[in-house]
PDB file of N, CA and C in Angstrom:
ATOM      1  N   MET A   1       2.049  34.661   4.469  1.00  0.00           N
ATOM      2  CA  MET A   1       0.848  34.006   3.961  1.00  0.00           C
ATOM      3  C   MET A   1       1.283  32.753   3.194  1.00  0.00           C
ATOM      4  N   PRO A   2       0.710  31.593   3.503  1.00  0.00           N
ATOM      5  CA  PRO A   2       1.087  30.367   2.802  1.00  0.00           C
ATOM      6  C   PRO A   2       0.578  30.364   1.361  1.00  0.00           C
ATOM      7  N   THR A   3       1.296  29.651   0.520  1.00  0.00           N
ATOM      8  CA  THR A   3       0.900  29.459  -0.872  1.00  0.00           C
ATOM      9  C   THR A   3       0.121  28.161  -0.984  1.00  0.00           C
ATOM     10  N   LYS A   4      -0.933  28.135  -1.795  1.00  0.00           N
ATOM     11  CA  LYS A   4      -1.725  26.915  -2.001  1.00  0.00           C
ATOM     12  C   LYS A   4      -1.130  26.110  -3.147  1.00  0.00           C
ATOM     13  N   TYR A   5      -1.177  24.786  -2.995  1.00  0.00           N
ATOM     14  CA  TYR A   5      -0.667  23.863  -4.008  1.00  0.00           C
ATOM     15  C   TYR A   5      -1.705  22.782  -4.269  1.00  0.00           C
ATOM     16  N   ILE A   6      -1.649  22.187  -5.453  1.00  0.00           N
ATOM     17  CA  ILE A   6      -2.484  21.036  -5.783  1.00  0.00           C
ATOM     18  C   ILE A   6      -1.559  19.871  -6.101  1.00  0.00           C
ATOM     19  N   LYS A   7      -1.932  18.688  -5.664  1.00  0.00           N
ATOM     20  CA  LYS A   7      -1.129  17.494  -5.893  1.00  0.00           C
ATOM     21  C   LYS A   7      -1.129  17.141  -7.377  1.00  0.00           C
ATOM     22  N   LYS A   8       0.056  16.836  -7.914  1.00  0.00           N
ATOM     23  CA  LYS A   8       0.159  16.422  -9.308  1.00  0.00           C
ATOM     24  C   LYS A   8      -0.495  15.055  -9.489  1.00  0.00           C
ATOM     25  N   PRO A   9      -1.158  14.838 -10.628  1.00  0.00           N
ATOM     26  CA  PRO A   9      -1.730  13.508 -10.854  1.00  0.00           C
ATOM     27  C   PRO A   9      -0.598  12.490 -11.059  1.00  0.00           C
ATOM     28  N   VAL A  10      -0.645  11.432 -10.276  1.00  0.00           N
ATOM     29  CA  VAL A  10       0.366  10.387 -10.334  1.00  0.00           C
ATOM     30  C   VAL A  10      -0.352   9.039 -10.389  1.00  0.00           C
ATOM     31  N   VAL A  11       0.063   8.177 -11.303  1.00  0.00           N
ATOM     32  CA  VAL A  11      -0.514   6.846 -11.401  1.00  0.00           C
ATOM     33  C   VAL A  11       0.288   5.909 -10.502  1.00  0.00           C
ATOM     34  N   ILE A  12      -0.408   5.186  -9.627  1.00  0.00           N
ATOM     35  CA  ILE A  12       0.230   4.232  -8.724  1.00  0.00           C
ATOM     36  C   ILE A  12      -0.389   2.854  -8.954  1.00  0.00           C
ATOM     37  N   GLU A  13       0.256   1.830  -8.420  1.00  0.00           N
ATOM     38  CA  GLU A  13      -0.321   0.496  -8.394  1.00  0.00           C
ATOM     39  C   GLU A  13      -0.694   0.189  -6.953  1.00  0.00           C
ATOM     40  N   ALA A  14      -1.780  -0.557  -6.746  1.00  0.00           N
ATOM     41  CA  ALA A  14      -2.193  -0.912  -5.396  1.00  0.00           C
ATOM     42  C   ALA A  14      -2.940  -2.235  -5.418  1.00  0.00           C
ATOM     43  N   MET A  15      -2.891  -2.926  -4.274  1.00  0.00           N
ATOM     44  CA  MET A  15      -3.666  -4.144  -4.056  1.00  0.00           C
ATOM     45  C   MET A  15      -4.291  -4.040  -2.675  1.00  0.00           C
ATOM     46  N   GLN A  16      -5.528  -4.519  -2.534  1.00  0.00           N
ATOM     47  CA  GLN A  16      -6.188  -4.492  -1.237  1.00  0.00           C
ATOM     48  C   GLN A  16      -5.976  -5.813  -0.523  1.00  0.00           C
ATOM     49  N   PHE A  17      -5.583  -5.736   0.761  1.00  0.00           N
ATOM     50  CA  PHE A  17      -5.379  -6.910   1.599  1.00  0.00           C
ATOM     51  C   PHE A  17      -6.716  -7.320   2.203  1.00  0.00           C
ATOM     52  N   THR A  18      -7.186  -8.519   1.876  1.00  0.00           N
ATOM     53  CA  THR A  18      -8.485  -8.986   2.355  1.00  0.00           C
ATOM     54  C   THR A  18      -8.399  -9.712   3.692  1.00  0.00           C
ATOM     55  N   GLY A  19      -7.180 -10.014   4.116  1.00  0.00           N
ATOM     56  CA  GLY A  19      -6.999 -10.751   5.362  1.00  0.00           C
ATOM     57  C   GLY A  19      -6.746 -12.228   5.144  1.00  0.00           C
ATOM     58  N   SER A  20      -6.980 -12.717   3.937  1.00  0.00           N
ATOM     59  CA  SER A  20      -6.762 -14.141   3.653  1.00  0.00           C
ATOM     60  C   SER A  20      -5.282 -14.414   3.381  1.00  0.00           C
ATOM     61  N   HIS A  21      -4.901 -15.676   3.552  1.00  0.00           N
ATOM     62  CA  HIS A  21      -3.521 -16.063   3.244  1.00  0.00           C
ATOM     63  C   HIS A  21      -3.236 -15.868   1.751  1.00  0.00           C
ATOM     64  N   ASP A  22      -4.231 -16.188   0.906  1.00  0.00           N
ATOM     65  CA  ASP A  22      -4.052 -16.006  -0.538  1.00  0.00           C
ATOM     66  C   ASP A  22      -3.765 -14.548  -0.872  1.00  0.00           C
ATOM     67  N   SER A  23      -4.519 -13.643  -0.266  1.00  0.00           N
ATOM     68  CA  SER A  23      -4.320 -12.211  -0.492  1.00  0.00           C
ATOM     69  C   SER A  23      -2.922 -11.786  -0.041  1.00  0.00           C
ATOM     70  N   ALA A  24      -2.514 -12.259   1.130  1.00  0.00           N
ATOM     71  CA  ALA A  24      -1.189 -11.909   1.664  1.00  0.00           C
ATOM     72  C   ALA A  24      -0.079 -12.380   0.729  1.00  0.00           C
ATOM     73  N   PHE A  25      -0.183 -13.627   0.250  1.00  0.00           N
ATOM     74  CA  PHE A  25       0.866 -14.159  -0.614  1.00  0.00           C
ATOM     75  C   PHE A  25       0.859 -13.517  -1.999  1.00  0.00           C
ATOM     76  N   GLU A  26      -0.311 -13.111  -2.501  1.00  0.00           N
ATOM     77  CA  GLU A  26      -0.371 -12.388  -3.780  1.00  0.00           C
ATOM     78  C   GLU A  26       0.321 -11.028  -3.655  1.00  0.00           C
ATOM     79  N   ILE A  27       0.089 -10.355  -2.546  1.00  0.00           N
ATOM     80  CA  ILE A  27       0.732  -9.058  -2.322  1.00  0.00           C
ATOM     81  C   ILE A  27       2.234  -9.243  -2.162  1.00  0.00           C
ATOM     82  N   GLN A  28       2.642 -10.288  -1.441  1.00  0.00           N
ATOM     83  CA  GLN A  28       4.075 -10.551  -1.277  1.00  0.00           C
ATOM     84  C   GLN A  28       4.728 -10.885  -2.614  1.00  0.00           C
ATOM     85  N   LYS A  29       4.047 -11.678  -3.434  1.00  0.00           N
ATOM     86  CA  LYS A  29       4.566 -12.026  -4.768  1.00  0.00           C
ATOM     87  C   LYS A  29       4.762 -10.762  -5.609  1.00  0.00           C
ATOM     88  N   TRP A  30       3.810  -9.866  -5.547  1.00  0.00           N
ATOM     89  CA  TRP A  30       3.864  -8.609  -6.297  1.00  0.00           C
ATOM     90  C   TRP A  30       4.962  -7.690  -5.760  1.00  0.00           C
ATOM     91  N   GLY A  31       5.053  -7.574  -4.440  1.00  0.00           N
ATOM     92  CA  GLY A  31       5.989  -6.623  -3.836  1.00  0.00           C
ATOM     93  C   GLY A  31       7.376  -7.149  -3.569  1.00  0.00           C
ATOM     94  N   GLY A  32       7.511  -8.465  -3.534  1.00  0.00           N
ATOM     95  CA  GLY A  32       8.814  -9.053  -3.268  1.00  0.00           C
ATOM     96  C   GLY A  32       9.029  -9.296  -1.779  1.00  0.00           C
ATOM     97  N   GLU A  33       9.727 -10.386  -1.484  1.00  0.00           N
ATOM     98  CA  GLU A  33       9.949 -10.776  -0.096  1.00  0.00           C
ATOM     99  C   GLU A  33      10.782  -9.768   0.684  1.00  0.00           C
ATOM    100  N   ALA A  34      11.605  -8.987   0.003  1.00  0.00           N
ATOM    101  CA  ALA A  34      12.410  -7.971   0.699  1.00  0.00           C
ATOM    102  C   ALA A  34      11.532  -6.836   1.221  1.00  0.00           C
ATOM    103  N   ASN A  35      10.380  -6.623   0.597  1.00  0.00           N
ATOM    104  CA  ASN A  35       9.494  -5.525   0.964  1.00  0.00           C
ATOM    105  C   ASN A  35       8.288  -5.962   1.799  1.00  0.00           C
ATOM    106  N   ILE A  36       7.783  -7.164   1.546  1.00  0.00           N
ATOM    107  CA  ILE A  36       6.534  -7.624   2.161  1.00  0.00           C
ATOM    108  C   ILE A  36       6.787  -8.916   2.936  1.00  0.00           C
ATOM    109  N   ASP A  37       6.402  -8.937   4.218  1.00  0.00           N
ATOM    110  CA  ASP A  37       6.546 -10.128   5.055  1.00  0.00           C
ATOM    111  C   ASP A  37       5.171 -10.675   5.400  1.00  0.00           C
ATOM    112  N   VAL A  38       4.983 -11.981   5.186  1.00  0.00           N
ATOM    113  CA  VAL A  38       3.772 -12.658   5.623  1.00  0.00           C
ATOM    114  C   VAL A  38       4.133 -13.415   6.891  1.00  0.00           C
ATOM    115  N   ALA A  39       3.453 -13.110   7.978  1.00  0.00           N
ATOM    116  CA  ALA A  39       3.696 -13.761   9.263  1.00  0.00           C
ATOM    117  C   ALA A  39       2.401 -14.366   9.781  1.00  0.00           C
ATOM    118  N   ASP A  40       2.510 -15.225  10.795  1.00  0.00           N
ATOM    119  CA  ASP A  40       1.319 -15.845  11.376  1.00  0.00           C
ATOM    120  C   ASP A  40       0.334 -14.808  11.889  1.00  0.00           C
ATOM    121  N   HIS A  41       0.847 -13.679  12.345  1.00  0.00           N
ATOM    122  CA  HIS A  41      -0.014 -12.645  12.931  1.00  0.00           C
ATOM    123  C   HIS A  41      -0.231 -11.456  11.993  1.00  0.00           C
ATOM    124  N   GLY A  42      -0.086 -11.678  10.675  1.00  0.00           N
ATOM    125  CA  GLY A  42      -0.447 -10.617   9.742  1.00  0.00           C
ATOM    126  C   GLY A  42       0.520 -10.373   8.613  1.00  0.00           C
ATOM    127  N   LEU A  43       0.283  -9.275   7.944  1.00  0.00           N
ATOM    128  CA  LEU A  43       1.081  -8.842   6.803  1.00  0.00           C
ATOM    129  C   LEU A  43       1.836  -7.584   7.204  1.00  0.00           C
ATOM    130  N   PHE A  44       3.119  -7.523   6.852  1.00  0.00           N
ATOM    131  CA  PHE A  44       3.969  -6.399   7.230  1.00  0.00           C
ATOM    132  C   PHE A  44       4.727  -5.890   6.013  1.00  0.00           C
ATOM    133  N   ILE A  45       4.933  -4.568   5.982  1.00  0.00           N
ATOM    134  CA  ILE A  45       5.669  -3.936   4.894  1.00  0.00           C
ATOM    135  C   ILE A  45       6.892  -3.254   5.483  1.00  0.00           C
ATOM    136  N   ASN A  46       8.026  -3.456   4.837  1.00  0.00           N
ATOM    137  CA  ASN A  46       9.234  -2.729   5.195  1.00  0.00           C
ATOM    138  C   ASN A  46       9.227  -1.427   4.397  1.00  0.00           C
ATOM    139  N   THR A  47       8.864  -0.333   5.071  1.00  0.00           N
ATOM    140  CA  THR A  47       8.743   0.970   4.413  1.00  0.00           C
ATOM    141  C   THR A  47       9.979   1.815   4.671  1.00  0.00           C
ATOM    142  N   LEU A  48      10.022   2.974   4.062  1.00  0.00           N
ATOM    143  CA  LEU A  48      11.119   3.912   4.297  1.00  0.00           C
ATOM    144  C   LEU A  48      11.124   4.391   5.747  1.00  0.00           C
ATOM    145  N   GLU A  49       9.964   4.327   6.422  1.00  0.00           N
ATOM    146  CA  GLU A  49       9.842   4.757   7.818  1.00  0.00           C
ATOM    147  C   GLU A  49       9.979   3.596   8.800  1.00  0.00           C
ATOM    148  N   GLY A  50      10.183   2.380   8.315  1.00  0.00           N
ATOM    149  CA  GLY A  50      10.297   1.213   9.173  1.00  0.00           C
ATOM    150  C   GLY A  50       9.239   0.179   8.845  1.00  0.00           C
ATOM    151  N   ARG A  51       9.176  -0.860   9.652  1.00  0.00           N
ATOM    152  CA  ARG A  51       8.241  -1.969   9.443  1.00  0.00           C
ATOM    153  C   ARG A  51       6.837  -1.550   9.887  1.00  0.00           C
ATOM    154  N   MET A  52       5.840  -1.755   8.993  1.00  0.00           N
ATOM    155  CA  MET A  52       4.465  -1.361   9.289  1.00  0.00           C
ATOM    156  C   MET A  52       3.528  -2.544   9.095  1.00  0.00           C
ATOM    157  N   HIS A  53       2.546  -2.656   9.993  1.00  0.00           N
ATOM    158  CA  HIS A  53       1.524  -3.696   9.908  1.00  0.00           C
ATOM    159  C   HIS A  53       0.454  -3.270   8.907  1.00  0.00           C
ATOM    160  N   VAL A  54      -0.026  -4.226   8.112  1.00  0.00           N
ATOM    161  CA  VAL A  54      -1.119  -3.982   7.171  1.00  0.00           C
ATOM    162  C   VAL A  54      -2.383  -4.591   7.762  1.00  0.00           C
ATOM    163  N   SER A  55      -3.382  -3.780   8.012  1.00  0.00           N
ATOM    164  CA  SER A  55      -4.654  -4.251   8.559  1.00  0.00           C
ATOM    165  C   SER A  55      -5.540  -4.789   7.438  1.00  0.00           C
ATOM    166  N   ILE A  56      -6.514  -5.613   7.817  1.00  0.00           N
ATOM    167  CA  ILE A  56      -7.467  -6.130   6.838  1.00  0.00           C
ATOM    168  C   ILE A  56      -8.184  -4.953   6.176  1.00  0.00           C
ATOM    169  N   ASN A  57      -8.305  -5.019   4.862  1.00  0.00           N
ATOM    170  CA  ASN A  57      -8.923  -4.019   3.973  1.00  0.00           C
ATOM    171  C   ASN A  57      -8.015  -2.832   3.662  1.00  0.00           C
ATOM    172  N   ASP A  58      -6.839  -2.736   4.282  1.00  0.00           N
ATOM    173  CA  ASP A  58      -5.880  -1.705   3.886  1.00  0.00           C
ATOM    174  C   ASP A  58      -5.422  -1.973   2.454  1.00  0.00           C
ATOM    175  N   TYR A  59      -5.025  -0.928   1.773  1.00  0.00           N
ATOM    176  CA  TYR A  59      -4.415  -1.053   0.461  1.00  0.00           C
ATOM    177  C   TYR A  59      -2.910  -1.011   0.623  1.00  0.00           C
ATOM    178  N   VAL A  60      -2.223  -1.789  -0.183  1.00  0.00           N
ATOM    179  CA  VAL A  60      -0.770  -1.718  -0.262  1.00  0.00           C
ATOM    180  C   VAL A  60      -0.469  -0.992  -1.560  1.00  0.00           C
ATOM    181  N   ILE A  61       0.284   0.096  -1.448  1.00  0.00           N
ATOM    182  CA  ILE A  61       0.570   0.962  -2.591  1.00  0.00           C
ATOM    183  C   ILE A  61       2.047   0.867  -2.949  1.00  0.00           C
ATOM    184  N   ARG A  62       2.321   0.805  -4.253  1.00  0.00           N
ATOM    185  CA  ARG A  62       3.694   0.966  -4.738  1.00  0.00           C
ATOM    186  C   ARG A  62       3.803   2.413  -5.191  1.00  0.00           C
ATOM    187  N   GLY A  63       4.666   3.169  -4.539  1.00  0.00           N
ATOM    188  CA  GLY A  63       4.822   4.587  -4.828  1.00  0.00           C
ATOM    189  C   GLY A  63       5.610   4.863  -6.094  1.00  0.00           C
ATOM    190  N   VAL A  64       5.777   6.123  -6.393  1.00  0.00           N
ATOM    191  CA  VAL A  64       6.420   6.548  -7.637  1.00  0.00           C
ATOM    192  C   VAL A  64       7.897   6.163  -7.704  1.00  0.00           C
ATOM    193  N   ARG A  65       8.508   5.879  -6.572  1.00  0.00           N
ATOM    194  CA  ARG A  65       9.919   5.464  -6.541  1.00  0.00           C
ATOM    195  C   ARG A  65      10.082   3.976  -6.271  1.00  0.00           C
ATOM    196  N   GLY A  66       8.980   3.226  -6.377  1.00  0.00           N
ATOM    197  CA  GLY A  66       9.025   1.790  -6.164  1.00  0.00           C
ATOM    198  C   GLY A  66       8.889   1.375  -4.714  1.00  0.00           C
ATOM    199  N   GLU A  67       8.678   2.328  -3.827  1.00  0.00           N
ATOM    200  CA  GLU A  67       8.524   2.029  -2.400  1.00  0.00           C
ATOM    201  C   GLU A  67       7.110   1.530  -2.122  1.00  0.00           C
ATOM    202  N   PHE A  68       6.961   0.753  -1.069  1.00  0.00           N
ATOM    203  CA  PHE A  68       5.663   0.199  -0.691  1.00  0.00           C
ATOM    204  C   PHE A  68       5.233   0.775   0.646  1.00  0.00           C
ATOM    205  N   TYR A  69       3.932   0.972   0.796  1.00  0.00           N
ATOM    206  CA  TYR A  69       3.394   1.444   2.069  1.00  0.00           C
ATOM    207  C   TYR A  69       1.901   1.131   2.139  1.00  0.00           C
ATOM    208  N   PRO A  70       1.368   0.960   3.374  1.00  0.00           N
ATOM    209  CA  PRO A  70      -0.063   0.697   3.529  1.00  0.00           C
ATOM    210  C   PRO A  70      -0.861   1.994   3.548  1.00  0.00           C
ATOM    211  N   CYS A  71      -2.142   1.882   3.196  1.00  0.00           N
ATOM    212  CA  CYS A  71      -3.037   3.041   3.202  1.00  0.00           C
ATOM    213  C   CYS A  71      -4.420   2.572   3.651  1.00  0.00           C
ATOM    214  N   LYS A  72      -5.018   3.282   4.587  1.00  0.00           N
ATOM    215  CA  LYS A  72      -6.356   2.951   5.072  1.00  0.00           C
ATOM    216  C   LYS A  72      -7.373   3.117   3.940  1.00  0.00           C
ATOM    217  N   PRO A  73      -8.405   2.253   3.896  1.00  0.00           N
ATOM    218  CA  PRO A  73      -9.366   2.293   2.797  1.00  0.00           C
ATOM    219  C   PRO A  73     -10.050   3.635   2.595  1.00  0.00           C
ATOM    220  N   ASP A  74     -10.427   4.322   3.672  1.00  0.00           N
ATOM    221  CA  ASP A  74     -11.135   5.597   3.503  1.00  0.00           C
ATOM    222  C   ASP A  74     -10.232   6.656   2.872  1.00  0.00           C
ATOM    223  N   ILE A  75      -8.982   6.692   3.267  1.00  0.00           N
ATOM    224  CA  ILE A  75      -8.027   7.640   2.684  1.00  0.00           C
ATOM    225  C   ILE A  75      -7.760   7.278   1.228  1.00  0.00           C
ATOM    226  N   PHE A  76      -7.583   5.975   0.953  1.00  0.00           N
ATOM    227  CA  PHE A  76      -7.329   5.519  -0.410  1.00  0.00           C
ATOM    228  C   PHE A  76      -8.472   5.939  -1.331  1.00  0.00           C
ATOM    229  N   GLU A  77      -9.702   5.691  -0.898  1.00  0.00           N
ATOM    230  CA  GLU A  77     -10.864   5.989  -1.741  1.00  0.00           C
ATOM    231  C   GLU A  77     -11.072   7.491  -1.948  1.00  0.00           C
ATOM    232  N   GLN A  78     -10.630   8.327  -1.011  1.00  0.00           N
ATOM    233  CA  GLN A  78     -10.709   9.774  -1.170  1.00  0.00           C
ATOM    234  C   GLN A  78      -9.613  10.311  -2.079  1.00  0.00           C
ATOM    235  N   THR A  79      -8.511   9.555  -2.191  1.00  0.00           N
ATOM    236  CA  THR A  79      -7.328  10.044  -2.892  1.00  0.00           C
ATOM    237  C   THR A  79      -7.178   9.494  -4.309  1.00  0.00           C
ATOM    238  N   TYR A  80      -7.613   8.244  -4.522  1.00  0.00           N
ATOM    239  CA  TYR A  80      -7.346   7.570  -5.791  1.00  0.00           C
ATOM    240  C   TYR A  80      -8.635   7.125  -6.468  1.00  0.00           C
ATOM    241  N   GLU A  81      -8.566   6.995  -7.787  1.00  0.00           N
ATOM    242  CA  GLU A  81      -9.632   6.390  -8.566  1.00  0.00           C
ATOM    243  C   GLU A  81      -9.006   5.497  -9.601  1.00  0.00           C
ATOM    244  N   VAL A  82      -9.767   4.518 -10.094  1.00  0.00           N
ATOM    245  CA  VAL A  82      -9.256   3.560 -11.064  1.00  0.00           C
ATOM    246  C   VAL A  82      -8.938   4.250 -12.383  1.00  0.00           C
ATOM    247  N   VAL A  83      -7.795   3.901 -12.972  1.00  0.00           N
ATOM    248  CA  VAL A  83      -7.414   4.408 -14.290  1.00  0.00           C
ATOM    249  C   VAL A  83      -7.903   3.408 -15.321  1.00  0.00           C
ATOM    250  N   GLU A  84      -8.655   3.861 -16.285  1.00  0.00           N
ATOM    251  CA  GLU A  84      -9.180   2.990 -17.333  1.00  0.00           C
ATOM    252  C   GLU A  84      -8.183   2.876 -18.461  1.00  0.00           C
TER     253      GLU A  84
END
């Protein structure tokens, strides 16, 4: 029989990619050029699993170990809320 677990509350940082060049460069500035690539055909993140494309309205998350990864808006909104 499996054991049930609950996710520990963890505070993360995130920025939403709007699709604009300004948004892409702000995310790159925040994440660093080694992690975030701005190309003519979009925004890309070098993740632990490899290079991933960031779609318009995706969130870019900095994880608990400083790693970056994209997250779809519906998943982000179900998982996270703003910390006041």
